Amino acid sequence: MTESAQSNEGREQIQIAKHSSGFAEDHAGDPNFMASLARGLQVIRAFSEHRRNLTISQVSQTTGLSRAAVRRCLYTLKVLGYVGEDSKRFSLRPQVLTLGHAYLSSTPLAVVAQPYLDKVSEVLHESCSAASLDGDEIVYLCRSAETRIMSISLLVGTRLPAYCTSMGQVLLSQLPRDALEEYFARVRLVARTERTITSVPELRTQIDKVRNAGYALLDQELEAGLRSIAVPVRDGRGCVVAAINVSTHASRASLDDMQTQFLPPLKACADALGSVLLG
């Protein structure tokens, strides 16, 4: 595992543990909130590309849940076929894919976007992706990958911080003002590289620029060597439902190249895709 991947994994562990430790407090007194279900979902989220086989202790450390709670969750998930066990180490089973399949199969964008992304990727010989905003993160819905640029694999379901990704900045720029200010008030800006924006005033200025320009162009803010450009996708009512981007290595395309060569086909793709999405 590279140093960058280890760093990303550490940040993900902290985020999962922080979220897990706070959910019970946030929903204390809510008679309709099922804490046991929330704990089970947290246990599933503990597994990732770099954490495929985990012990009870490791899941407990990652989620912030007690060993007893983790043991019961893993036992239940194992009985249901979502988790397997080998020598006291647990891993996800293919059955877990059914949890996301219902969403992907019922989301028009996820269903129809693939050929559009494939066409852009074929023309530019670079990776093209689509994502939506979920809380403070973007979630990859569809992807056409020419090459692997980042230290982590970007797959359907991958989550990344919105503030330091091109698709994230595009989607943030389309939020209502009050929702955006709430985001600025709670977001924790962590330096992923020396170019990452780490101050709220600077990020606010950047999001304003993205809103006015209609696209976001990021130069190595998420990971060293990674450049990306993104535009919004609007449905039949003109509402932004997702963002699409093209990413490349800094050695293959300058910022000017991305604006002159990548942006036009990316906008054309967003328009074509949006035209088939009903409002």
C-alpha atoms as a PDB file:
ATOM      1  CA  MET A   1       0.000   0.000   0.000  1.00  0.00           C
ATOM      2  CA  THR A   2       1.358   3.420  -0.934  1.00  0.00           C
ATOM      3  CA  GLU A   3       1.877   6.175   1.616  1.00  0.00           C
ATOM      4  CA  SER A   4      -0.951   8.143  -0.014  1.00  0.00           C
ATOM      5  CA  ALA A   5      -3.306   5.177   0.163  1.00  0.00           C
ATOM      6  CA  GLN A   6      -2.418   4.614   3.822  1.00  0.00           C
ATOM      7  CA  SER A   7      -3.139   8.267   4.555  1.00  0.00           C
ATOM      8  CA  ASN A   8      -6.499   8.065   2.770  1.00  0.00           C
ATOM      9  CA  GLU A   9      -7.357   4.892   4.668  1.00  0.00           C
ATOM     10  CA  GLY A  10      -6.538   6.595   7.977  1.00  0.00           C
ATOM     11  CA  ARG A  11      -8.811   9.519   7.167  1.00  0.00           C
ATOM     12  CA  GLU A  12     -11.587   7.111   6.212  1.00  0.00           C
ATOM     13  CA  GLN A  13     -11.209   5.206   9.490  1.00  0.00           C
ATOM     14  CA  ILE A  14     -11.438   8.435  11.483  1.00  0.00           C
ATOM     15  CA  GLN A  15     -14.527   9.509   9.534  1.00  0.00           C
ATOM     16  CA  ILE A  16     -16.303   6.185  10.061  1.00  0.00           C
ATOM     17  CA  ALA A  17     -15.467   6.124  13.773  1.00  0.00           C
ATOM     18  CA  LYS A  18     -16.540   9.746  14.226  1.00  0.00           C
ATOM     19  CA  HIS A  19     -19.837   9.157  12.459  1.00  0.00           C
ATOM     20  CA  SER A  20     -20.496   5.969  14.402  1.00  0.00           C
ATOM     21  CA  SER A  21     -19.737   7.480  17.798  1.00  0.00           C
ATOM     22  CA  GLY A  22     -22.117  10.347  17.149  1.00  0.00           C
ATOM     23  CA  PHE A  23     -25.159   8.715  15.595  1.00  0.00           C
ATOM     24  CA  ALA A  24     -26.629   7.449  18.883  1.00  0.00           C
ATOM     25  CA  GLU A  25     -26.235  10.862  20.492  1.00  0.00           C
ATOM     26  CA  ASP A  26     -27.711  12.639  17.474  1.00  0.00           C
ATOM     27  CA  HIS A  27     -30.829  10.456  17.538  1.00  0.00           C
ATOM     28  CA  ALA A  28     -31.216   9.983  21.287  1.00  0.00           C
ATOM     29  CA  GLY A  29     -34.867  10.021  22.244  1.00  0.00           C
ATOM     30  CA  ASP A  30     -36.096   9.286  18.716  1.00  0.00           C
ATOM     31  CA  PRO A  31     -38.456   6.293  19.143  1.00  0.00           C
ATOM     32  CA  ASN A  32     -38.399   5.549  15.418  1.00  0.00           C
ATOM     33  CA  PHE A  33     -34.599   5.349  15.118  1.00  0.00           C
ATOM     34  CA  MET A  34     -33.329   1.744  15.049  1.00  0.00           C
ATOM     35  CA  ALA A  35     -29.852   1.875  16.571  1.00  0.00           C
ATOM     36  CA  SER A  36     -29.151  -1.800  15.904  1.00  0.00           C
ATOM     37  CA  LEU A  37     -29.720  -1.328  12.168  1.00  0.00           C
ATOM     38  CA  ALA A  38     -27.452   1.726  12.184  1.00  0.00           C
ATOM     39  CA  ARG A  39     -24.720  -0.290  13.906  1.00  0.00           C
ATOM     40  CA  GLY A  40     -25.024  -3.055  11.317  1.00  0.00           C
ATOM     41  CA  LEU A  41     -24.608  -0.573   8.473  1.00  0.00           C
ATOM     42  CA  GLN A  42     -21.570   0.934  10.197  1.00  0.00           C
ATOM     43  CA  VAL A  43     -19.993  -2.505  10.410  1.00  0.00           C
ATOM     44  CA  ILE A  44     -20.530  -3.033   6.661  1.00  0.00           C
ATOM     45  CA  ARG A  45     -18.925   0.349   5.948  1.00  0.00           C
ATOM     46  CA  ALA A  46     -15.838  -0.664   7.940  1.00  0.00           C
ATOM     47  CA  PHE A  47     -14.759  -2.847   5.005  1.00  0.00           C
ATOM     48  CA  SER A  48     -13.062  -1.240   2.008  1.00  0.00           C
ATOM     49  CA  GLU A  49     -10.477  -1.776  -0.709  1.00  0.00           C
ATOM     50  CA  HIS A  50      -7.683  -1.616   1.866  1.00  0.00           C
ATOM     51  CA  ARG A  51      -9.623  -3.347   4.659  1.00  0.00           C
ATOM     52  CA  ARG A  52     -11.003  -6.464   3.039  1.00  0.00           C
ATOM     53  CA  ASN A  53     -10.372  -8.931   5.878  1.00  0.00           C
ATOM     54  CA  LEU A  54     -10.938  -7.658   9.419  1.00  0.00           C
ATOM     55  CA  THR A  55     -11.032  -9.079  12.914  1.00  0.00           C
ATOM     56  CA  ILE A  56     -13.662  -8.111  15.464  1.00  0.00           C
ATOM     57  CA  SER A  57     -11.107  -5.858  17.159  1.00  0.00           C
ATOM     58  CA  GLN A  58     -10.275  -4.080  13.901  1.00  0.00           C
ATOM     59  CA  VAL A  59     -13.930  -3.471  13.086  1.00  0.00           C
ATOM     60  CA  SER A  60     -14.463  -2.193  16.618  1.00  0.00           C
ATOM     61  CA  GLN A  61     -11.527   0.206  16.296  1.00  0.00           C
ATOM     62  CA  THR A  62     -12.655   1.447  12.876  1.00  0.00           C
ATOM     63  CA  THR A  63     -16.295   2.031  13.809  1.00  0.00           C
ATOM     64  CA  GLY A  64     -15.947   3.026  17.453  1.00  0.00           C
ATOM     65  CA  LEU A  65     -18.471   0.357  18.400  1.00  0.00           C
ATOM     66  CA  SER A  66     -17.903  -2.050  21.288  1.00  0.00           C
ATOM     67  CA  ARG A  67     -16.493  -5.503  20.552  1.00  0.00           C
ATOM     68  CA  ALA A  68     -19.724  -7.056  21.835  1.00  0.00           C
ATOM     69  CA  ALA A  69     -21.843  -4.981  19.449  1.00  0.00           C
ATOM     70  CA  VAL A  70     -19.505  -5.744  16.542  1.00  0.00           C
ATOM     71  CA  ARG A  71     -19.589  -9.468  17.338  1.00  0.00           C
ATOM     72  CA  ARG A  72     -23.399  -9.519  17.231  1.00  0.00           C
ATOM     73  CA  CYS A  73     -23.522  -7.499  14.023  1.00  0.00           C
ATOM     74  CA  LEU A  74     -21.008  -9.739  12.273  1.00  0.00           C
ATOM     75  CA  TYR A  75     -22.786 -12.871  13.435  1.00  0.00           C
ATOM     76  CA  THR A  76     -26.108 -11.591  12.070  1.00  0.00           C
ATOM     77  CA  LEU A  77     -24.548 -10.477   8.776  1.00  0.00           C
ATOM     78  CA  LYS A  78     -22.854 -13.873   8.469  1.00  0.00           C
ATOM     79  CA  VAL A  79     -26.144 -15.727   9.011  1.00  0.00           C
ATOM     80  CA  LEU A  80     -27.795 -13.544   6.356  1.00  0.00           C
ATOM     81  CA  GLY A  81     -24.984 -14.197   3.872  1.00  0.00           C
ATOM     82  CA  TYR A  82     -23.547 -10.687   3.720  1.00  0.00           C
ATOM     83  CA  VAL A  83     -20.317 -11.560   5.532  1.00  0.00           C
ATOM     84  CA  GLY A  84     -17.986 -14.562   5.507  1.00  0.00           C
ATOM     85  CA  GLU A  85     -15.523 -15.739   8.166  1.00  0.00           C
ATOM     86  CA  ASP A  86     -12.167 -17.472   7.845  1.00  0.00           C
ATOM     87  CA  SER A  87      -9.821 -17.971  10.818  1.00  0.00           C
ATOM     88  CA  LYS A  88     -11.592 -15.262  12.842  1.00  0.00           C
ATOM     89  CA  ARG A  89     -11.226 -12.728  10.051  1.00  0.00           C
ATOM     90  CA  PHE A  90     -14.350 -11.428   8.352  1.00  0.00           C
ATOM     91  CA  SER A  91     -14.936 -10.227   4.805  1.00  0.00           C
ATOM     92  CA  LEU A  92     -17.890  -9.090   2.722  1.00  0.00           C
ATOM     93  CA  ARG A  93     -19.666 -11.624   0.529  1.00  0.00           C
ATOM     94  CA  PRO A  94     -21.156 -10.964  -2.945  1.00  0.00           C
ATOM     95  CA  GLN A  95     -24.613 -10.905  -1.331  1.00  0.00           C
ATOM     96  CA  VAL A  96     -23.839  -7.378  -0.088  1.00  0.00           C
ATOM     97  CA  LEU A  97     -24.019  -6.112  -3.675  1.00  0.00           C
ATOM     98  CA  THR A  98     -27.784  -6.536  -3.584  1.00  0.00           C
ATOM     99  CA  LEU A  99     -27.979  -3.622  -1.133  1.00  0.00           C
ATOM    100  CA  GLY A 100     -26.797  -1.191  -3.789  1.00  0.00           C
ATOM    101  CA  HIS A 101     -28.283  -2.880  -6.850  1.00  0.00           C
ATOM    102  CA  ALA A 102     -31.825  -1.713  -6.124  1.00  0.00           C
ATOM    103  CA  TYR A 103     -30.705   1.917  -6.065  1.00  0.00           C
ATOM    104  CA  LEU A 104     -28.533   1.692  -9.169  1.00  0.00           C
ATOM    105  CA  SER A 105     -31.159  -0.175 -11.173  1.00  0.00           C
ATOM    106  CA  SER A 106     -33.875   2.328 -10.236  1.00  0.00           C
ATOM    107  CA  THR A 107     -31.828   5.498 -10.801  1.00  0.00           C
ATOM    108  CA  PRO A 108     -32.180   6.712 -14.410  1.00  0.00           C
ATOM    109  CA  LEU A 109     -28.773   8.364 -14.442  1.00  0.00           C
ATOM    110  CA  ALA A 110     -26.956   5.233 -13.291  1.00  0.00           C
ATOM    111  CA  VAL A 111     -28.847   3.161 -15.862  1.00  0.00           C
ATOM    112  CA  VAL A 112     -28.390   5.343 -18.943  1.00  0.00           C
ATOM    113  CA  ALA A 113     -25.090   7.160 -18.303  1.00  0.00           C
ATOM    114  CA  GLN A 114     -22.610   4.409 -19.144  1.00  0.00           C
ATOM    115  CA  PRO A 115     -22.638   4.680 -22.975  1.00  0.00           C
ATOM    116  CA  TYR A 116     -22.346   8.471 -22.765  1.00  0.00           C
ATOM    117  CA  LEU A 117     -19.334   8.248 -20.454  1.00  0.00           C
ATOM    118  CA  ASP A 118     -17.811   5.533 -22.639  1.00  0.00           C
ATOM    119  CA  LYS A 119     -18.035   7.807 -25.671  1.00  0.00           C
ATOM    120  CA  VAL A 120     -16.234  10.677 -23.914  1.00  0.00           C
ATOM    121  CA  SER A 121     -13.594   8.298 -22.618  1.00  0.00           C
ATOM    122  CA  GLU A 122     -13.093   6.857 -26.104  1.00  0.00           C
ATOM    123  CA  VAL A 123     -12.701  10.298 -27.671  1.00  0.00           C
ATOM    124  CA  LEU A 124     -10.360  11.760 -25.042  1.00  0.00           C
ATOM    125  CA  HIS A 125      -8.598   8.530 -23.996  1.00  0.00           C
ATOM    126  CA  GLU A 126      -9.118   9.523 -20.381  1.00  0.00           C
ATOM    127  CA  SER A 127     -11.388   8.369 -17.571  1.00  0.00           C
ATOM    128  CA  CYS A 128     -14.891   9.807 -17.332  1.00  0.00           C
ATOM    129  CA  SER A 129     -17.166   9.494 -14.294  1.00  0.00           C
ATOM    130  CA  ALA A 130     -20.563  10.519 -12.931  1.00  0.00           C
ATOM    131  CA  ALA A 131     -21.337  11.225  -9.287  1.00  0.00           C
ATOM    132  CA  SER A 132     -24.040  12.637  -7.042  1.00  0.00           C
ATOM    133  CA  LEU A 133     -23.813  14.538  -3.769  1.00  0.00           C
ATOM    134  CA  ASP A 134     -24.620  12.601  -0.602  1.00  0.00           C
ATOM    135  CA  GLY A 135     -24.153  14.695   2.525  1.00  0.00           C
ATOM    136  CA  ASP A 136     -20.658  16.180   2.422  1.00  0.00           C
ATOM    137  CA  GLU A 137     -19.305  13.616  -0.044  1.00  0.00           C
ATOM    138  CA  ILE A 138     -19.713  12.635  -3.654  1.00  0.00           C
ATOM    139  CA  VAL A 139     -20.688   9.079  -4.532  1.00  0.00           C
ATOM    140  CA  TYR A 140     -19.612   7.554  -7.842  1.00  0.00           C
ATOM    141  CA  LEU A 141     -22.639   6.323  -9.806  1.00  0.00           C
ATOM    142  CA  CYS A 142     -21.003   5.341 -13.070  1.00  0.00           C
ATOM    143  CA  ARG A 143     -17.490   5.292 -14.492  1.00  0.00           C
ATOM    144  CA  SER A 144     -15.617   4.632 -17.714  1.00  0.00           C
ATOM    145  CA  ALA A 145     -11.951   4.148 -16.867  1.00  0.00           C
ATOM    146  CA  GLU A 146      -9.177   4.301 -19.449  1.00  0.00           C
ATOM    147  CA  THR A 147      -6.336   4.235 -16.943  1.00  0.00           C
ATOM    148  CA  ARG A 148      -5.845   4.188 -13.196  1.00  0.00           C
ATOM    149  CA  ILE A 149      -4.534   7.555 -12.043  1.00  0.00           C
ATOM    150  CA  MET A 150      -5.206   7.653  -8.303  1.00  0.00           C
ATOM    151  CA  SER A 151      -3.656   5.484  -5.620  1.00  0.00           C
ATOM    152  CA  ILE A 152      -7.124   4.131  -4.809  1.00  0.00           C
ATOM    153  CA  SER A 153      -9.495   2.372  -7.183  1.00  0.00           C
ATOM    154  CA  LEU A 154     -12.491   4.500  -8.138  1.00  0.00           C
ATOM    155  CA  LEU A 155     -15.485   2.203  -8.416  1.00  0.00           C
ATOM    156  CA  VAL A 156     -19.251   2.611  -8.355  1.00  0.00           C
ATOM    157  CA  GLY A 157     -20.070   3.510  -4.759  1.00  0.00           C
ATOM    158  CA  THR A 158     -16.704   5.129  -4.004  1.00  0.00           C
ATOM    159  CA  ARG A 159     -17.093   8.173  -1.754  1.00  0.00           C
ATOM    160  CA  LEU A 160     -14.784  11.210  -1.787  1.00  0.00           C
ATOM    161  CA  PRO A 161     -14.903  14.621  -0.050  1.00  0.00           C
ATOM    162  CA  ALA A 162     -16.858  17.169  -2.060  1.00  0.00           C
ATOM    163  CA  TYR A 163     -14.617  20.154  -1.305  1.00  0.00           C
ATOM    164  CA  CYS A 164     -11.497  18.821  -3.042  1.00  0.00           C
ATOM    165  CA  THR A 165     -13.051  17.110  -6.073  1.00  0.00           C
ATOM    166  CA  SER A 166     -14.177  18.711  -9.314  1.00  0.00           C
ATOM    167  CA  MET A 167     -17.561  16.981  -9.298  1.00  0.00           C
ATOM    168  CA  GLY A 168     -17.978  17.888  -5.645  1.00  0.00           C
ATOM    169  CA  GLN A 169     -17.336  21.568  -6.252  1.00  0.00           C
ATOM    170  CA  VAL A 170     -19.791  21.582  -9.158  1.00  0.00           C
ATOM    171  CA  LEU A 171     -22.483  19.984  -7.018  1.00  0.00           C
ATOM    172  CA  LEU A 172     -21.781  22.300  -4.071  1.00  0.00           C
ATOM    173  CA  SER A 173     -22.105  25.296  -6.375  1.00  0.00           C
ATOM    174  CA  GLN A 174     -25.672  24.251  -7.188  1.00  0.00           C
ATOM    175  CA  LEU A 175     -26.863  24.016  -3.583  1.00  0.00           C
ATOM    176  CA  PRO A 176     -29.304  26.610  -2.254  1.00  0.00           C
ATOM    177  CA  ARG A 177     -27.484  29.370  -0.393  1.00  0.00           C
ATOM    178  CA  ASP A 178     -28.713  28.312   3.041  1.00  0.00           C
ATOM    179  CA  ALA A 179     -27.706  24.683   2.470  1.00  0.00           C
ATOM    180  CA  LEU A 180     -24.287  25.784   1.221  1.00  0.00           C
ATOM    181  CA  GLU A 181     -23.718  27.974   4.272  1.00  0.00           C
ATOM    182  CA  GLU A 182     -24.635  25.055   6.521  1.00  0.00           C
ATOM    183  CA  TYR A 183     -22.051  22.994   4.669  1.00  0.00           C
ATOM    184  CA  PHE A 184     -19.379  25.659   5.163  1.00  0.00           C
ATOM    185  CA  ALA A 185     -20.209  25.792   8.875  1.00  0.00           C
ATOM    186  CA  ARG A 186     -19.694  22.077   9.480  1.00  0.00           C
ATOM    187  CA  VAL A 187     -17.102  20.949   6.915  1.00  0.00           C
ATOM    188  CA  ARG A 188     -13.617  20.035   8.095  1.00  0.00           C
ATOM    189  CA  LEU A 189     -11.128  20.929   5.370  1.00  0.00           C
ATOM    190  CA  VAL A 190      -8.218  18.493   5.452  1.00  0.00           C
ATOM    191  CA  ALA A 191      -5.164  19.066   3.248  1.00  0.00           C
ATOM    192  CA  ARG A 192      -4.993  16.120   0.861  1.00  0.00           C
ATOM    193  CA  THR A 193      -2.090  17.782  -0.994  1.00  0.00           C
ATOM    194  CA  GLU A 194      -0.235  21.076  -0.713  1.00  0.00           C
ATOM    195  CA  ARG A 195      -2.741  22.503  -3.218  1.00  0.00           C
ATOM    196  CA  THR A 196      -5.899  21.583  -1.307  1.00  0.00           C
ATOM    197  CA  ILE A 197      -8.088  24.481  -0.220  1.00  0.00           C
ATOM    198  CA  THR A 198      -8.146  24.439   3.574  1.00  0.00           C
ATOM    199  CA  SER A 199      -9.911  27.690   4.484  1.00  0.00           C
ATOM    200  CA  VAL A 200     -13.661  28.268   4.269  1.00  0.00           C
ATOM    201  CA  PRO A 201     -13.367  31.823   2.837  1.00  0.00           C
ATOM    202  CA  GLU A 202     -11.141  30.513   0.036  1.00  0.00           C
ATOM    203  CA  LEU A 203     -13.482  27.606  -0.618  1.00  0.00           C
ATOM    204  CA  ARG A 204     -16.491  29.963  -0.683  1.00  0.00           C
ATOM    205  CA  THR A 205     -14.717  32.098  -3.307  1.00  0.00           C
ATOM    206  CA  GLN A 206     -13.870  28.992  -5.332  1.00  0.00           C
ATOM    207  CA  ILE A 207     -17.450  27.718  -5.277  1.00  0.00           C
ATOM    208  CA  ASP A 208     -18.684  31.122  -6.448  1.00  0.00           C
ATOM    209  CA  LYS A 209     -16.236  30.945  -9.370  1.00  0.00           C
ATOM    210  CA  VAL A 210     -17.449  27.458 -10.274  1.00  0.00           C
ATOM    211  CA  ARG A 211     -21.082  28.595 -10.169  1.00  0.00           C
ATOM    212  CA  ASN A 212     -20.353  31.524 -12.467  1.00  0.00           C
ATOM    213  CA  ALA A 213     -18.169  29.529 -14.866  1.00  0.00           C
ATOM    214  CA  GLY A 214     -20.454  26.498 -15.059  1.00  0.00           C
ATOM    215  CA  TYR A 215     -17.607  24.052 -14.527  1.00  0.00           C
ATOM    216  CA  ALA A 216     -14.870  23.181 -12.030  1.00  0.00           C
ATOM    217  CA  LEU A 217     -11.219  22.660 -12.929  1.00  0.00           C
ATOM    218  CA  LEU A 218      -9.034  21.237 -10.164  1.00  0.00           C
ATOM    219  CA  ASP A 219      -5.280  20.924 -10.264  1.00  0.00           C
ATOM    220  CA  GLN A 220      -3.941  18.266  -7.872  1.00  0.00           C
ATOM    221  CA  GLU A 221      -6.143  19.204  -4.910  1.00  0.00           C
ATOM    222  CA  LEU A 222      -7.276  15.644  -4.206  1.00  0.00           C
ATOM    223  CA  GLU A 223      -4.083  13.795  -5.044  1.00  0.00           C
ATOM    224  CA  ALA A 224      -0.701  14.816  -6.424  1.00  0.00           C
ATOM    225  CA  GLY A 225      -0.575  14.466 -10.213  1.00  0.00           C
ATOM    226  CA  LEU A 226      -4.362  14.340 -10.639  1.00  0.00           C
ATOM    227  CA  ARG A 227      -6.196  16.971 -12.660  1.00  0.00           C
ATOM    228  CA  SER A 228      -9.920  16.902 -13.352  1.00  0.00           C
ATOM    229  CA  ILE A 229     -12.645  19.000 -14.891  1.00  0.00           C
ATOM    230  CA  ALA A 230     -16.373  18.616 -14.195  1.00  0.00           C
ATOM    231  CA  VAL A 231     -19.728  19.995 -15.316  1.00  0.00           C
ATOM    232  CA  PRO A 232     -23.289  19.604 -13.979  1.00  0.00           C
ATOM    233  CA  VAL A 233     -25.910  17.300 -15.480  1.00  0.00           C
ATOM    234  CA  ARG A 234     -29.451  18.748 -15.552  1.00  0.00           C
ATOM    235  CA  ASP A 235     -32.636  16.764 -15.973  1.00  0.00           C
ATOM    236  CA  GLY A 236     -35.649  17.725 -18.086  1.00  0.00           C
ATOM    237  CA  ARG A 237     -36.717  20.375 -15.547  1.00  0.00           C
ATOM    238  CA  GLY A 238     -33.273  21.970 -15.472  1.00  0.00           C
ATOM    239  CA  CYS A 239     -32.462  20.596 -12.014  1.00  0.00           C
ATOM    240  CA  VAL A 240     -28.893  19.454 -11.379  1.00  0.00           C
ATOM    241  CA  VAL A 241     -29.041  15.727 -10.640  1.00  0.00           C
ATOM    242  CA  ALA A 242     -25.346  14.838 -10.890  1.00  0.00           C
ATOM    243  CA  ALA A 243     -21.971  15.900 -12.194  1.00  0.00           C
ATOM    244  CA  ILE A 244     -19.653  14.290 -14.719  1.00  0.00           C
ATOM    245  CA  ASN A 245     -15.914  14.747 -15.003  1.00  0.00           C
ATOM    246  CA  VAL A 246     -12.828  13.819 -16.949  1.00  0.00           C
ATOM    247  CA  SER A 247      -9.653  13.145 -15.015  1.00  0.00           C
ATOM    248  CA  THR A 248      -6.091  12.837 -16.205  1.00  0.00           C
ATOM    249  CA  HIS A 249      -2.507  12.915 -15.004  1.00  0.00           C
ATOM    250  CA  ALA A 250      -0.888  16.348 -14.915  1.00  0.00           C
ATOM    251  CA  SER A 251       1.852  15.142 -17.228  1.00  0.00           C
ATOM    252  CA  ARG A 252      -0.647  14.356 -19.991  1.00  0.00           C
ATOM    253  CA  ALA A 253      -2.688  17.551 -20.152  1.00  0.00           C
ATOM    254  CA  SER A 254      -2.163  21.175 -19.149  1.00  0.00           C
ATOM    255  CA  LEU A 255      -4.906  23.255 -17.583  1.00  0.00           C
ATOM    256  CA  ASP A 256      -5.370  24.997 -20.934  1.00  0.00           C
ATOM    257  CA  ASP A 257      -5.699  21.617 -22.657  1.00  0.00           C
ATOM    258  CA  MET A 258      -8.425  20.627 -20.239  1.00  0.00           C
ATOM    259  CA  GLN A 259     -10.413  23.787 -20.948  1.00  0.00           C
ATOM    260  CA  THR A 260      -9.979  23.724 -24.722  1.00  0.00           C
ATOM    261  CA  GLN A 261      -9.937  19.974 -25.439  1.00  0.00           C
ATOM    262  CA  PHE A 262     -11.759  18.279 -22.544  1.00  0.00           C
ATOM    263  CA  LEU A 263     -14.483  20.778 -21.644  1.00  0.00           C
ATOM    264  CA  PRO A 264     -16.402  20.894 -24.982  1.00  0.00           C
ATOM    265  CA  PRO A 265     -17.015  17.106 -25.259  1.00  0.00           C
ATOM    266  CA  LEU A 266     -17.760  16.971 -21.535  1.00  0.00           C
ATOM    267  CA  LYS A 267     -20.431  19.675 -21.868  1.00  0.00           C
ATOM    268  CA  ALA A 268     -21.848  17.937 -24.921  1.00  0.00           C
ATOM    269  CA  CYS A 269     -22.057  14.712 -22.940  1.00  0.00           C
ATOM    270  CA  ALA A 270     -23.852  16.439 -20.051  1.00  0.00           C
ATOM    271  CA  ASP A 271     -26.356  18.001 -22.464  1.00  0.00           C
ATOM    272  CA  ALA A 272     -27.006  14.716 -24.268  1.00  0.00           C
ATOM    273  CA  LEU A 273     -27.364  12.805 -21.013  1.00  0.00           C
ATOM    274  CA  GLY A 274     -29.614  15.441 -19.493  1.00  0.00           C
ATOM    275  CA  SER A 275     -31.904  15.345 -22.533  1.00  0.00           C
ATOM    276  CA  VAL A 276     -32.847  11.734 -21.825  1.00  0.00           C
ATOM    277  CA  LEU A 277     -33.444  12.252 -18.107  1.00  0.00           C
ATOM    278  CA  LEU A 278     -37.028  13.068 -17.202  1.00  0.00           C
ATOM    279  CA  GLY A 279     -37.700  15.747 -14.626  1.00  0.00           C
END
